[in-house]
Amino acid sequence: MKTKLTLSIDSDKVKRAKAYGRKRKKSVSELVEEMIDKLTEDARPTTSWSQRWGGTLGLTAADLKREDRFGKLVRRAATAPRTRKEQRA
């Protein structure tokens, strides 16, 4: 659904925007929409940190046997449920 929006922009910038749009066969509204999409696309991650990096660390059987803090974390991760659905069950 399209909504009308009133902007206050310097007249020189309006002229430049219209000229830029004519060269690309787009309206100023289309240019503004594209810019908003581009700006907000970068700000919001498409995947969470855990989705992006989860499972990238290769662990071995020797890591499970370690007696230090890392070994303890590996053992905890190995026994923890993988998904929220598993946590509820």
PDB file of N, CA and C in Angstrom:
ATOM      1  N   MET A   1       0.836  -1.169   0.000  1.00  0.00           N
ATOM      2  CA  MET A   1       0.000   0.000   0.000  1.00  0.00           C
ATOM      3  C   MET A   1       0.886   1.239   0.000  1.00  0.00           C
ATOM      4  N   LYS A   2       0.627   2.125  -0.888  1.00  0.00           N
ATOM      5  CA  LYS A   2       1.378   3.368  -0.988  1.00  0.00           C
ATOM      6  C   LYS A   2       0.749   4.425  -0.090  1.00  0.00           C
ATOM      7  N   THR A   3       1.613   5.230   0.540  1.00  0.00           N
ATOM      8  CA  THR A   3       1.178   6.323   1.391  1.00  0.00           C
ATOM      9  C   THR A   3       1.870   7.592   0.933  1.00  0.00           C
ATOM     10  N   LYS A   4       1.112   8.656   0.858  1.00  0.00           N
ATOM     11  CA  LYS A   4       1.677   9.939   0.444  1.00  0.00           C
ATOM     12  C   LYS A   4       2.480  10.530   1.590  1.00  0.00           C
ATOM     13  N   LEU A   5       3.638  11.106   1.268  1.00  0.00           N
ATOM     14  CA  LEU A   5       4.543  11.675   2.261  1.00  0.00           C
ATOM     15  C   LEU A   5       5.011  13.042   1.767  1.00  0.00           C
ATOM     16  N   THR A   6       4.974  14.021   2.635  1.00  0.00           N
ATOM     17  CA  THR A   6       5.455  15.358   2.291  1.00  0.00           C
ATOM     18  C   THR A   6       6.813  15.561   2.924  1.00  0.00           C
ATOM     19  N   LEU A   7       7.788  15.939   2.121  1.00  0.00           N
ATOM     20  CA  LEU A   7       9.149  16.185   2.604  1.00  0.00           C
ATOM     21  C   LEU A   7       9.516  17.640   2.375  1.00  0.00           C
ATOM     22  N   SER A   8      10.354  18.156   3.239  1.00  0.00           N
ATOM     23  CA  SER A   8      10.904  19.501   3.054  1.00  0.00           C
ATOM     24  C   SER A   8      12.370  19.342   2.687  1.00  0.00           C
ATOM     25  N   ILE A   9      12.656  19.639   1.417  1.00  0.00           N
ATOM     26  CA  ILE A   9      14.010  19.458   0.895  1.00  0.00           C
ATOM     27  C   ILE A   9      14.412  20.734   0.169  1.00  0.00           C
ATOM     28  N   ASP A  10      15.667  21.088   0.275  1.00  0.00           N
ATOM     29  CA  ASP A  10      16.203  22.261  -0.399  1.00  0.00           C
ATOM     30  C   ASP A  10      15.896  22.172  -1.899  1.00  0.00           C
ATOM     31  N   SER A  11      15.483  23.281  -2.505  1.00  0.00           N
ATOM     32  CA  SER A  11      15.044  23.285  -3.907  1.00  0.00           C
ATOM     33  C   SER A  11      16.150  22.828  -4.861  1.00  0.00           C
ATOM     34  N   ASP A  12      17.395  23.142  -4.555  1.00  0.00           N
ATOM     35  CA  ASP A  12      18.507  22.703  -5.392  1.00  0.00           C
ATOM     36  C   ASP A  12      18.617  21.170  -5.394  1.00  0.00           C
ATOM     37  N   LYS A  13      18.386  20.579  -4.230  1.00  0.00           N
ATOM     38  CA  LYS A  13      18.460  19.119  -4.124  1.00  0.00           C
ATOM     39  C   LYS A  13      17.292  18.455  -4.845  1.00  0.00           C
ATOM     40  N   VAL A  14      16.130  19.104  -4.841  1.00  0.00           N
ATOM     41  CA  VAL A  14      14.975  18.575  -5.566  1.00  0.00           C
ATOM     42  C   VAL A  14      15.282  18.540  -7.062  1.00  0.00           C
ATOM     43  N   LYS A  15      15.867  19.614  -7.580  1.00  0.00           N
ATOM     44  CA  LYS A  15      16.234  19.667  -9.002  1.00  0.00           C
ATOM     45  C   LYS A  15      17.231  18.567  -9.337  1.00  0.00           C
ATOM     46  N   ARG A  16      18.219  18.389  -8.478  1.00  0.00           N
ATOM     47  CA  ARG A  16      19.222  17.349  -8.723  1.00  0.00           C
ATOM     48  C   ARG A  16      18.595  15.959  -8.670  1.00  0.00           C
ATOM     49  N   ALA A  17      17.679  15.745  -7.742  1.00  0.00           N
ATOM     50  CA  ALA A  17      17.016  14.446  -7.618  1.00  0.00           C
ATOM     51  C   ALA A  17      16.170  14.154  -8.855  1.00  0.00           C
ATOM     52  N   LYS A  18      15.458  15.145  -9.348  1.00  0.00           N
ATOM     53  CA  LYS A  18      14.626  14.957 -10.536  1.00  0.00           C
ATOM     54  C   LYS A  18      15.486  14.678 -11.770  1.00  0.00           C
ATOM     55  N   ALA A  19      16.593  15.398 -11.896  1.00  0.00           N
ATOM     56  CA  ALA A  19      17.495  15.171 -13.029  1.00  0.00           C
ATOM     57  C   ALA A  19      18.099  13.764 -12.950  1.00  0.00           C
ATOM     58  N   TYR A  20      18.492  13.363 -11.760  1.00  0.00           N
ATOM     59  CA  TYR A  20      19.050  12.022 -11.542  1.00  0.00           C
ATOM     60  C   TYR A  20      18.003  10.961 -11.899  1.00  0.00           C
ATOM     61  N   GLY A  21      16.770  11.186 -11.480  1.00  0.00           N
ATOM     62  CA  GLY A  21      15.686  10.248 -11.776  1.00  0.00           C
ATOM     63  C   GLY A  21      15.375  10.158 -13.262  1.00  0.00           C
ATOM     64  N   ARG A  22      15.379  11.297 -13.944  1.00  0.00           N
ATOM     65  CA  ARG A  22      15.128  11.289 -15.397  1.00  0.00           C
ATOM     66  C   ARG A  22      16.169  10.452 -16.126  1.00  0.00           C
ATOM     67  N   LYS A  23      17.428  10.584 -15.737  1.00  0.00           N
ATOM     68  CA  LYS A  23      18.497   9.810 -16.385  1.00  0.00           C
ATOM     69  C   LYS A  23      18.295   8.307 -16.191  1.00  0.00           C
ATOM     70  N   ARG A  24      17.730   7.944 -15.085  1.00  0.00           N
ATOM     71  CA  ARG A  24      17.545   6.518 -14.762  1.00  0.00           C
ATOM     72  C   ARG A  24      16.111   6.037 -14.974  1.00  0.00           C
ATOM     73  N   LYS A  25      15.267   6.936 -15.517  1.00  0.00           N
ATOM     74  CA  LYS A  25      13.853   6.640 -15.797  1.00  0.00           C
ATOM     75  C   LYS A  25      13.125   6.159 -14.545  1.00  0.00           C
ATOM     76  N   LYS A  26      13.338   6.913 -13.443  1.00  0.00           N
ATOM     77  CA  LYS A  26      12.686   6.617 -12.172  1.00  0.00           C
ATOM     78  C   LYS A  26      12.178   7.914 -11.565  1.00  0.00           C
ATOM     79  N   SER A  27      11.108   7.793 -10.786  1.00  0.00           N
ATOM     80  CA  SER A  27      10.580   8.966 -10.097  1.00  0.00           C
ATOM     81  C   SER A  27      11.414   9.225  -8.834  1.00  0.00           C
ATOM     82  N   VAL A  28      11.255  10.423  -8.293  1.00  0.00           N
ATOM     83  CA  VAL A  28      11.954  10.752  -7.048  1.00  0.00           C
ATOM     84  C   VAL A  28      11.443   9.843  -5.932  1.00  0.00           C
ATOM     85  N   SER A  29      10.170   9.515  -5.958  1.00  0.00           N
ATOM     86  CA  SER A  29       9.617   8.597  -4.953  1.00  0.00           C
ATOM     87  C   SER A  29      10.305   7.231  -5.017  1.00  0.00           C
ATOM     88  N   GLU A  30      10.507   6.727  -6.228  1.00  0.00           N
ATOM     89  CA  GLU A  30      11.191   5.437  -6.386  1.00  0.00           C
ATOM     90  C   GLU A  30      12.632   5.514  -5.878  1.00  0.00           C
ATOM     91  N   LEU A  31      13.286   6.629  -6.155  1.00  0.00           N
ATOM     92  CA  LEU A  31      14.668   6.800  -5.681  1.00  0.00           C
ATOM     93  C   LEU A  31      14.724   6.814  -4.154  1.00  0.00           C
ATOM     94  N   VAL A  32      13.775   7.512  -3.535  1.00  0.00           N
ATOM     95  CA  VAL A  32      13.736   7.583  -2.071  1.00  0.00           C
ATOM     96  C   VAL A  32      13.451   6.199  -1.491  1.00  0.00           C
ATOM     97  N   GLU A  33      12.506   5.465  -2.079  1.00  0.00           N
ATOM     98  CA  GLU A  33      12.204   4.113  -1.611  1.00  0.00           C
ATOM     99  C   GLU A  33      13.429   3.211  -1.683  1.00  0.00           C
ATOM    100  N   GLU A  34      14.144   3.271  -2.812  1.00  0.00           N
ATOM    101  CA  GLU A  34      15.347   2.453  -2.973  1.00  0.00           C
ATOM    102  C   GLU A  34      16.402   2.797  -1.932  1.00  0.00           C
ATOM    103  N   MET A  35      16.563   4.100  -1.670  1.00  0.00           N
ATOM    104  CA  MET A  35      17.552   4.524  -0.691  1.00  0.00           C
ATOM    105  C   MET A  35      17.176   4.052   0.709  1.00  0.00           C
ATOM    106  N   ILE A  36      15.903   4.132   1.057  1.00  0.00           N
ATOM    107  CA  ILE A  36      15.459   3.659   2.372  1.00  0.00           C
ATOM    108  C   ILE A  36      15.696   2.160   2.498  1.00  0.00           C
ATOM    109  N   ASP A  37      15.360   1.410   1.433  1.00  0.00           N
ATOM    110  CA  ASP A  37      15.606  -0.037   1.453  1.00  0.00           C
ATOM    111  C   ASP A  37      17.083  -0.341   1.636  1.00  0.00           C
ATOM    112  N   LYS A  38      17.917   0.381   0.907  1.00  0.00           N
ATOM    113  CA  LYS A  38      19.359   0.149   0.984  1.00  0.00           C
ATOM    114  C   LYS A  38      19.905   0.475   2.374  1.00  0.00           C
ATOM    115  N   LEU A  39      19.460   1.583   2.945  1.00  0.00           N
ATOM    116  CA  LEU A  39      19.947   1.997   4.263  1.00  0.00           C
ATOM    117  C   LEU A  39      19.485   1.055   5.366  1.00  0.00           C
ATOM    118  N   THR A  40      18.246   0.624   5.311  1.00  0.00           N
ATOM    119  CA  THR A  40      17.725  -0.232   6.379  1.00  0.00           C
ATOM    120  C   THR A  40      18.118  -1.686   6.202  1.00  0.00           C
ATOM    121  N   GLU A  41      18.448  -2.099   5.001  1.00  0.00           N
ATOM    122  CA  GLU A  41      18.888  -3.472   4.753  1.00  0.00           C
ATOM    123  C   GLU A  41      20.193  -3.758   5.483  1.00  0.00           C
ATOM    124  N   ASP A  42      21.108  -2.808   5.464  1.00  0.00           N
ATOM    125  CA  ASP A  42      22.398  -2.979   6.122  1.00  0.00           C
ATOM    126  C   ASP A  42      22.262  -2.978   7.637  1.00  0.00           C
ATOM    127  N   ALA A  43      21.268  -2.279   8.153  1.00  0.00           N
ATOM    128  CA  ALA A  43      21.113  -2.133   9.599  1.00  0.00           C
ATOM    129  C   ALA A  43      20.525  -3.361  10.258  1.00  0.00           C
ATOM    130  N   ARG A  44      19.773  -4.160   9.517  1.00  0.00           N
ATOM    131  CA  ARG A  44      19.120  -5.304  10.145  1.00  0.00           C
ATOM    132  C   ARG A  44      19.771  -6.591   9.643  1.00  0.00           C
ATOM    133  N   PRO A  45      20.253  -7.398  10.554  1.00  0.00           N
ATOM    134  CA  PRO A  45      20.911  -8.639  10.140  1.00  0.00           C
ATOM    135  C   PRO A  45      19.902  -9.624   9.556  1.00  0.00           C
ATOM    136  N   THR A  46      20.311 -10.316   8.526  1.00  0.00           N
ATOM    137  CA  THR A  46      19.429 -11.289   7.901  1.00  0.00           C
ATOM    138  C   THR A  46      19.414 -12.597   8.697  1.00  0.00           C
ATOM    139  N   THR A  47      20.494 -12.882   9.388  1.00  0.00           N
ATOM    140  CA  THR A  47      20.551 -14.071  10.224  1.00  0.00           C
ATOM    141  C   THR A  47      21.104 -13.696  11.588  1.00  0.00           C
ATOM    142  N   SER A  48      20.766 -14.475  12.576  1.00  0.00           N
ATOM    143  CA  SER A  48      21.297 -14.212  13.908  1.00  0.00           C
ATOM    144  C   SER A  48      22.755 -14.645  13.979  1.00  0.00           C
ATOM    145  N   TRP A  49      23.427 -14.206  15.011  1.00  0.00           N
ATOM    146  CA  TRP A  49      24.833 -14.559  15.187  1.00  0.00           C
ATOM    147  C   TRP A  49      24.991 -16.066  15.283  1.00  0.00           C
ATOM    148  N   SER A  50      24.135 -16.720  16.041  1.00  0.00           N
ATOM    149  CA  SER A  50      24.262 -18.162  16.219  1.00  0.00           C
ATOM    150  C   SER A  50      23.956 -18.919  14.928  1.00  0.00           C
ATOM    151  N   GLN A  51      23.005 -18.420  14.124  1.00  0.00           N
ATOM    152  CA  GLN A  51      22.732 -19.062  12.845  1.00  0.00           C
ATOM    153  C   GLN A  51      23.915 -18.913  11.894  1.00  0.00           C
ATOM    154  N   ARG A  52      24.558 -17.770  11.967  1.00  0.00           N
ATOM    155  CA  ARG A  52      25.675 -17.524  11.054  1.00  0.00           C
ATOM    156  C   ARG A  52      26.926 -18.299  11.433  1.00  0.00           C
ATOM    157  N   TRP A  53      27.228 -18.364  12.724  1.00  0.00           N
ATOM    158  CA  TRP A  53      28.489 -18.960  13.155  1.00  0.00           C
ATOM    159  C   TRP A  53      28.341 -20.334  13.801  1.00  0.00           C
ATOM    160  N   GLY A  54      27.123 -20.728  14.126  1.00  0.00           N
ATOM    161  CA  GLY A  54      26.914 -22.011  14.785  1.00  0.00           C
ATOM    162  C   GLY A  54      27.391 -23.172  13.936  1.00  0.00           C
ATOM    163  N   GLY A  55      28.118 -24.080  14.552  1.00  0.00           N
ATOM    164  CA  GLY A  55      28.589 -25.266  13.847  1.00  0.00           C
ATOM    165  C   GLY A  55      29.852 -25.062  13.033  1.00  0.00           C
ATOM    166  N   THR A  56      30.456 -23.891  13.101  1.00  0.00           N
ATOM    167  CA  THR A  56      31.659 -23.662  12.303  1.00  0.00           C
ATOM    168  C   THR A  56      32.929 -24.094  13.020  1.00  0.00           C
ATOM    169  N   LEU A  57      32.840 -24.335  14.313  1.00  0.00           N
ATOM    170  CA  LEU A  57      34.009 -24.757  15.074  1.00  0.00           C
ATOM    171  C   LEU A  57      34.073 -26.281  15.050  1.00  0.00           C
ATOM    172  N   GLY A  58      35.123 -26.802  14.472  1.00  0.00           N
ATOM    173  CA  GLY A  58      35.265 -28.251  14.401  1.00  0.00           C
ATOM    174  C   GLY A  58      35.837 -28.792  15.707  1.00  0.00           C
ATOM    175  N   LEU A  59      35.061 -29.618  16.399  1.00  0.00           N
ATOM    176  CA  LEU A  59      35.499 -30.188  17.667  1.00  0.00           C
ATOM    177  C   LEU A  59      35.812 -31.666  17.469  1.00  0.00           C
ATOM    178  N   THR A  60      36.779 -32.145  18.239  1.00  0.00           N
ATOM    179  CA  THR A  60      37.196 -33.546  18.141  1.00  0.00           C
ATOM    180  C   THR A  60      36.883 -34.263  19.446  1.00  0.00           C
ATOM    181  N   ALA A  61      37.078 -35.577  19.439  1.00  0.00           N
ATOM    182  CA  ALA A  61      36.883 -36.376  20.655  1.00  0.00           C
ATOM    183  C   ALA A  61      37.876 -35.954  21.729  1.00  0.00           C
ATOM    184  N   ALA A  62      39.048 -35.516  21.318  1.00  0.00           N
ATOM    185  CA  ALA A  62      40.062 -35.069  22.280  1.00  0.00           C
ATOM    186  C   ALA A  62      39.595 -33.819  23.025  1.00  0.00           C
ATOM    187  N   ASP A  63      38.814 -32.985  22.352  1.00  0.00           N
ATOM    188  CA  ASP A  63      38.294 -31.779  23.001  1.00  0.00           C
ATOM    189  C   ASP A  63      37.345 -32.141  24.140  1.00  0.00           C
ATOM    190  N   LEU A  64      36.574 -33.207  23.967  1.00  0.00           N
ATOM    191  CA  LEU A  64      35.658 -33.663  25.020  1.00  0.00           C
ATOM    192  C   LEU A  64      36.411 -34.152  26.255  1.00  0.00           C
ATOM    193  N   LYS A  65      37.621 -34.645  26.065  1.00  0.00           N
ATOM    194  CA  LYS A  65      38.400 -35.218  27.169  1.00  0.00           C
ATOM    195  C   LYS A  65      39.237 -34.189  27.914  1.00  0.00           C
ATOM    196  N   ARG A  66      39.329 -32.991  27.392  1.00  0.00           N
ATOM    197  CA  ARG A  66      40.150 -31.964  28.042  1.00  0.00           C
ATOM    198  C   ARG A  66      39.609 -31.655  29.432  1.00  0.00           C
ATOM    199  N   GLU A  67      40.493 -31.341  30.355  1.00  0.00           N
ATOM    200  CA  GLU A  67      40.110 -31.066  31.737  1.00  0.00           C
ATOM    201  C   GLU A  67      40.078 -29.573  32.064  1.00  0.00           C
ATOM    202  N   ASP A  68      40.245 -28.725  31.078  1.00  0.00           N
ATOM    203  CA  ASP A  68      40.229 -27.281  31.326  1.00  0.00           C
ATOM    204  C   ASP A  68      38.827 -26.709  31.052  1.00  0.00           C
ATOM    205  N   ARG A  69      38.722 -25.404  31.117  1.00  0.00           N
ATOM    206  CA  ARG A  69      37.430 -24.735  30.925  1.00  0.00           C
ATOM    207  C   ARG A  69      36.855 -25.016  29.543  1.00  0.00           C
ATOM    208  N   PHE A  70      37.701 -25.049  28.530  1.00  0.00           N
ATOM    209  CA  PHE A  70      37.236 -25.319  27.170  1.00  0.00           C
ATOM    210  C   PHE A  70      36.589 -26.702  27.090  1.00  0.00           C
ATOM    211  N   GLY A  71      37.211 -27.685  27.707  1.00  0.00           N
ATOM    212  CA  GLY A  71      36.646 -29.032  27.720  1.00  0.00           C
ATOM    213  C   GLY A  71      35.280 -29.058  28.384  1.00  0.00           C
ATOM    214  N   LYS A  72      35.154 -28.332  29.481  1.00  0.00           N
ATOM    215  CA  LYS A  72      33.871 -28.266  30.187  1.00  0.00           C
ATOM    216  C   LYS A  72      32.796 -27.643  29.293  1.00  0.00           C
ATOM    217  N   LEU A  73      33.147 -26.569  28.570  1.00  0.00           N
ATOM    218  CA  LEU A  73      32.205 -25.925  27.664  1.00  0.00           C
ATOM    219  C   LEU A  73      31.814 -26.849  26.505  1.00  0.00           C
ATOM    220  N   VAL A  74      32.790 -27.593  26.004  1.00  0.00           N
ATOM    221  CA  VAL A  74      32.511 -28.524  24.906  1.00  0.00           C
ATOM    222  C   VAL A  74      31.554 -29.611  25.374  1.00  0.00           C
ATOM    223  N   ARG A  75      31.779 -30.154  26.567  1.00  0.00           N
ATOM    224  CA  ARG A  75      30.892 -31.197  27.091  1.00  0.00           C
ATOM    225  C   ARG A  75      29.478 -30.657  27.320  1.00  0.00           C
ATOM    226  N   ARG A  76      29.376 -29.441  27.822  1.00  0.00           N
ATOM    227  CA  ARG A  76      28.067 -28.836  28.053  1.00  0.00           C
ATOM    228  C   ARG A  76      27.337 -28.637  26.724  1.00  0.00           C
ATOM    229  N   ALA A  77      28.060 -28.156  25.709  1.00  0.00           N
ATOM    230  CA  ALA A  77      27.449 -27.930  24.401  1.00  0.00           C
ATOM    231  C   ALA A  77      27.036 -29.245  23.748  1.00  0.00           C
ATOM    232  N   ALA A  78      27.798 -30.289  23.977  1.00  0.00           N
ATOM    233  CA  ALA A  78      27.494 -31.586  23.367  1.00  0.00           C
ATOM    234  C   ALA A  78      26.226 -32.189  23.941  1.00  0.00           C
ATOM    235  N   THR A  79      25.904 -31.885  25.187  1.00  0.00           N
ATOM    236  CA  THR A  79      24.716 -32.465  25.817  1.00  0.00           C
ATOM    237  C   THR A  79      23.510 -31.535  25.791  1.00  0.00           C
ATOM    238  N   ALA A  80      23.708 -30.281  25.404  1.00  0.00           N
ATOM    239  CA  ALA A  80      22.613 -29.299  25.391  1.00  0.00           C
ATOM    240  C   ALA A  80      21.683 -29.558  24.206  1.00  0.00           C
ATOM    241  N   PRO A  81      20.393 -29.268  24.381  1.00  0.00           N
ATOM    242  CA  PRO A  81      19.453 -29.388  23.254  1.00  0.00           C
ATOM    243  C   PRO A  81      19.866 -28.446  22.129  1.00  0.00           C
ATOM    244  N   ARG A  82      19.664 -28.841  20.902  1.00  0.00           N
ATOM    245  CA  ARG A  82      20.081 -28.053  19.736  1.00  0.00           C
ATOM    246  C   ARG A  82      19.099 -26.957  19.360  1.00  0.00           C
ATOM    247  N   THR A  83      17.822 -27.183  19.601  1.00  0.00           N
ATOM    248  CA  THR A  83      16.814 -26.209  19.192  1.00  0.00           C
ATOM    249  C   THR A  83      15.891 -25.879  20.356  1.00  0.00           C
ATOM    250  N   ARG A  84      15.125 -24.827  20.200  1.00  0.00           N
ATOM    251  CA  ARG A  84      14.152 -24.458  21.248  1.00  0.00           C
ATOM    252  C   ARG A  84      13.085 -25.527  21.397  1.00  0.00           C
ATOM    253  N   LYS A  85      12.745 -26.156  20.294  1.00  0.00           N
ATOM    254  CA  LYS A  85      11.748 -27.210  20.335  1.00  0.00           C
ATOM    255  C   LYS A  85      12.238 -28.360  21.226  1.00  0.00           C
ATOM    256  N   GLU A  86      13.499 -28.710  21.096  1.00  0.00           N
ATOM    257  CA  GLU A  86      14.076 -29.766  21.933  1.00  0.00           C
ATOM    258  C   GLU A  86      14.122 -29.343  23.393  1.00  0.00           C
ATOM    259  N   GLN A  87      14.329 -28.056  23.658  1.00  0.00           N
ATOM    260  CA  GLN A  87      14.395 -27.569  25.032  1.00  0.00           C
ATOM    261  C   GLN A  87      13.033 -27.710  25.714  1.00  0.00           C
ATOM    262  N   ARG A  88      11.930 -27.489  24.960  1.00  0.00           N
ATOM    263  CA  ARG A  88      10.594 -27.579  25.529  1.00  0.00           C
ATOM    264  C   ARG A  88      10.177 -29.017  25.792  1.00  0.00           C
ATOM    265  N   ALA A  89      10.724 -29.950  25.043  1.00  0.00           N
ATOM    266  CA  ALA A  89      10.304 -31.365  25.169  1.00  0.00           C
ATOM    267  C   ALA A  89      10.844 -32.005  26.428  1.00  0.00           C
TER     268      ALA A  89
END
